[in-house]
Amino acid sequence: MSGTKKEISPGGKAALSVVGVVQAAFAFLAFWDLAHRDAGGVRGPKALWIPAILVNWIGPASYFLFGIRR
């Protein structure tokens, strides 16, 4: 392996930071909703949604799309 090192530009770092903050906010909103919603308003056991929400992007999106009874 060569010892080359690729660096991220300042703009790339800023974009990654924004994506990280949005991802964390999305997960926080899913956890907040799960904590404040009645068990009858959630499909499946609430405890099983906790590890699912931890899966980046897919978990919170799945919770909002499929986990909430409408």
N, C-alpha and C. Protein backbone atom coordinates (compact mmCIF):
# COMPACT_ATOMS: atom_id res chain seq x y z
N MET A 1 0.84 -1.19 0.00
CA MET A 1 0.00 0.00 0.00
C MET A 1 0.87 1.24 0.00
N SER A 2 0.44 2.19 -0.73
CA SER A 2 1.20 3.45 -0.74
C SER A 2 0.73 4.33 0.40
N GLY A 3 1.55 5.27 0.73
CA GLY A 3 1.25 6.14 1.86
C GLY A 3 0.54 7.43 1.46
N THR A 4 -0.14 7.42 0.31
CA THR A 4 -0.84 8.64 -0.10
C THR A 4 -2.05 8.87 0.79
N LYS A 5 -2.30 10.11 1.00
CA LYS A 5 -3.40 10.50 1.88
C LYS A 5 -4.28 11.49 1.12
N LYS A 6 -5.56 11.17 1.03
CA LYS A 6 -6.50 12.07 0.37
C LYS A 6 -7.13 12.96 1.43
N GLU A 7 -7.16 14.22 1.15
CA GLU A 7 -7.75 15.17 2.09
C GLU A 7 -9.08 15.67 1.54
N ILE A 8 -9.95 16.00 2.46
CA ILE A 8 -11.25 16.55 2.09
C ILE A 8 -11.13 18.07 2.09
N SER A 9 -11.70 18.67 1.08
CA SER A 9 -11.65 20.13 0.98
C SER A 9 -12.49 20.76 2.09
N PRO A 10 -12.27 22.03 2.39
CA PRO A 10 -13.09 22.70 3.41
C PRO A 10 -14.59 22.68 3.07
N GLY A 11 -14.90 22.83 1.79
CA GLY A 11 -16.31 22.76 1.39
C GLY A 11 -16.89 21.37 1.60
N GLY A 12 -16.08 20.35 1.33
CA GLY A 12 -16.52 18.98 1.56
C GLY A 12 -16.73 18.69 3.03
N LYS A 13 -15.85 19.23 3.86
CA LYS A 13 -16.00 19.06 5.31
C LYS A 13 -17.28 19.73 5.81
N ALA A 14 -17.56 20.92 5.27
CA ALA A 14 -18.77 21.63 5.67
C ALA A 14 -20.01 20.85 5.24
N ALA A 15 -19.98 20.31 4.02
CA ALA A 15 -21.13 19.53 3.53
C ALA A 15 -21.33 18.27 4.38
N LEU A 16 -20.25 17.59 4.70
CA LEU A 16 -20.36 16.40 5.56
C LEU A 16 -20.89 16.75 6.94
N SER A 17 -20.49 17.89 7.46
CA SER A 17 -20.98 18.34 8.76
C SER A 17 -22.48 18.59 8.72
N VAL A 18 -22.94 19.24 7.66
CA VAL A 18 -24.37 19.52 7.51
C VAL A 18 -25.15 18.21 7.40
N VAL A 19 -24.66 17.28 6.59
CA VAL A 19 -25.33 15.99 6.44
C VAL A 19 -25.38 15.26 7.79
N GLY A 20 -24.31 15.31 8.55
CA GLY A 20 -24.29 14.66 9.86
C GLY A 20 -25.29 15.27 10.83
N VAL A 21 -25.39 16.59 10.83
CA VAL A 21 -26.34 17.26 11.71
C VAL A 21 -27.78 16.93 11.30
N VAL A 22 -28.06 16.92 10.01
CA VAL A 22 -29.41 16.58 9.53
C VAL A 22 -29.75 15.14 9.89
N GLN A 23 -28.80 14.24 9.72
CA GLN A 23 -29.03 12.84 10.07
C GLN A 23 -29.31 12.68 11.56
N ALA A 24 -28.54 13.35 12.40
CA ALA A 24 -28.75 13.28 13.85
C ALA A 24 -30.10 13.87 14.23
N ALA A 25 -30.48 14.97 13.59
CA ALA A 25 -31.78 15.59 13.88
C ALA A 25 -32.93 14.67 13.46
N PHE A 26 -32.79 14.00 12.32
CA PHE A 26 -33.81 13.07 11.83
C PHE A 26 -33.99 11.93 12.84
N ALA A 27 -32.89 11.37 13.33
CA ALA A 27 -32.97 10.30 14.32
C ALA A 27 -33.56 10.82 15.63
N PHE A 28 -33.16 12.02 16.05
CA PHE A 28 -33.70 12.60 17.28
C PHE A 28 -35.22 12.76 17.17
N LEU A 29 -35.70 13.26 16.04
CA LEU A 29 -37.14 13.44 15.86
C LEU A 29 -37.87 12.10 15.90
N ALA A 30 -37.28 11.08 15.32
CA ALA A 30 -37.91 9.76 15.35
C ALA A 30 -37.97 9.23 16.79
N PHE A 31 -36.87 9.38 17.54
CA PHE A 31 -36.87 8.95 18.94
C PHE A 31 -37.87 9.76 19.77
N TRP A 32 -37.92 11.05 19.53
CA TRP A 32 -38.84 11.91 20.28
C TRP A 32 -40.29 11.49 20.00
N ASP A 33 -40.61 11.27 18.73
CA ASP A 33 -41.95 10.85 18.37
C ASP A 33 -42.29 9.49 18.99
N LEU A 34 -41.34 8.57 18.92
CA LEU A 34 -41.56 7.24 19.50
C LEU A 34 -41.81 7.32 21.00
N ALA A 35 -41.07 8.17 21.69
CA ALA A 35 -41.22 8.30 23.14
C ALA A 35 -42.56 8.92 23.53
N HIS A 36 -43.09 9.80 22.69
CA HIS A 36 -44.31 10.52 23.03
C HIS A 36 -45.58 9.92 22.42
N ARG A 37 -45.44 8.92 21.59
CA ARG A 37 -46.60 8.30 20.95
C ARG A 37 -47.07 7.10 21.77
N ASP A 38 -48.38 6.92 21.87
CA ASP A 38 -48.95 5.76 22.56
C ASP A 38 -48.51 4.49 21.85
N ALA A 39 -48.43 3.39 22.60
CA ALA A 39 -48.04 2.10 22.01
C ALA A 39 -49.02 1.68 20.92
N GLY A 40 -50.28 2.06 21.07
CA GLY A 40 -51.28 1.72 20.05
C GLY A 40 -51.10 2.48 18.76
N GLY A 41 -50.34 3.54 18.79
CA GLY A 41 -50.10 4.32 17.58
C GLY A 41 -48.86 3.91 16.82
N VAL A 42 -48.20 2.84 17.32
CA VAL A 42 -46.96 2.37 16.69
C VAL A 42 -47.18 0.94 16.23
N ARG A 43 -46.75 0.64 15.02
CA ARG A 43 -46.82 -0.74 14.53
C ARG A 43 -45.68 -1.53 15.15
N GLY A 44 -46.01 -2.61 15.81
CA GLY A 44 -45.00 -3.45 16.46
C GLY A 44 -44.62 -2.90 17.82
N PRO A 45 -43.81 -3.64 18.54
CA PRO A 45 -43.37 -3.18 19.87
C PRO A 45 -42.47 -1.95 19.77
N LYS A 46 -42.71 -0.99 20.63
CA LYS A 46 -41.90 0.23 20.62
C LYS A 46 -40.42 -0.08 20.85
N ALA A 47 -40.13 -1.06 21.70
CA ALA A 47 -38.74 -1.39 22.02
C ALA A 47 -37.97 -1.86 20.78
N LEU A 48 -38.65 -2.46 19.82
CA LEU A 48 -37.96 -2.92 18.61
C LEU A 48 -37.63 -1.77 17.65
N TRP A 49 -38.33 -0.66 17.80
CA TRP A 49 -38.04 0.49 16.93
C TRP A 49 -36.79 1.23 17.37
N ILE A 50 -36.39 1.07 18.62
CA ILE A 50 -35.20 1.80 19.11
C ILE A 50 -33.95 1.41 18.32
N PRO A 51 -33.59 0.12 18.24
CA PRO A 51 -32.40 -0.20 17.44
C PRO A 51 -32.60 0.07 15.95
N ALA A 52 -33.84 -0.05 15.47
CA ALA A 52 -34.09 0.22 14.05
C ALA A 52 -33.80 1.68 13.71
N ILE A 53 -34.18 2.58 14.58
CA ILE A 53 -33.97 4.01 14.34
C ILE A 53 -32.48 4.34 14.31
N LEU A 54 -31.66 3.55 14.97
CA LEU A 54 -30.22 3.80 14.99
C LEU A 54 -29.53 3.52 13.66
N VAL A 55 -30.21 2.84 12.74
CA VAL A 55 -29.64 2.59 11.41
C VAL A 55 -29.73 3.89 10.61
N ASN A 56 -28.57 4.38 10.22
CA ASN A 56 -28.49 5.70 9.56
C ASN A 56 -29.51 5.84 8.43
N TRP A 57 -30.21 6.93 8.42
CA TRP A 57 -31.20 7.34 7.43
C TRP A 57 -32.33 6.34 7.25
N ILE A 58 -32.02 5.07 7.07
CA ILE A 58 -33.04 4.07 6.79
C ILE A 58 -33.95 3.85 8.00
N GLY A 59 -33.38 3.82 9.19
CA GLY A 59 -34.16 3.56 10.39
C GLY A 59 -35.20 4.63 10.67
N PRO A 60 -34.80 5.90 10.77
CA PRO A 60 -35.81 6.95 11.00
C PRO A 60 -36.84 7.04 9.87
N ALA A 61 -36.37 6.87 8.62
CA ALA A 61 -37.31 6.92 7.49
C ALA A 61 -38.30 5.77 7.58
N SER A 62 -37.83 4.58 7.93
CA SER A 62 -38.73 3.42 8.08
C SER A 62 -39.74 3.66 9.19
N TYR A 63 -39.28 4.24 10.29
CA TYR A 63 -40.19 4.51 11.40
C TYR A 63 -41.30 5.46 10.95
N PHE A 64 -40.92 6.56 10.30
CA PHE A 64 -41.94 7.53 9.89
C PHE A 64 -42.84 7.00 8.78
N LEU A 65 -42.31 6.16 7.90
CA LEU A 65 -43.11 5.64 6.79
C LEU A 65 -43.96 4.43 7.18
N PHE A 66 -43.40 3.54 7.99
CA PHE A 66 -44.08 2.27 8.27
C PHE A 66 -44.41 2.02 9.74
N GLY A 67 -43.77 2.71 10.65
CA GLY A 67 -43.93 2.43 12.07
C GLY A 67 -45.09 3.13 12.75
N ILE A 68 -45.59 4.18 12.13
CA ILE A 68 -46.67 4.95 12.75
C ILE A 68 -48.00 4.53 12.14
N ARG A 69 -48.93 4.18 13.01
CA ARG A 69 -50.29 3.87 12.54
C ARG A 69 -51.00 5.17 12.20
N ARG A 70 -51.64 5.17 11.09
CA ARG A 70 -52.38 6.37 10.65
C ARG A 70 -53.85 6.13 10.66
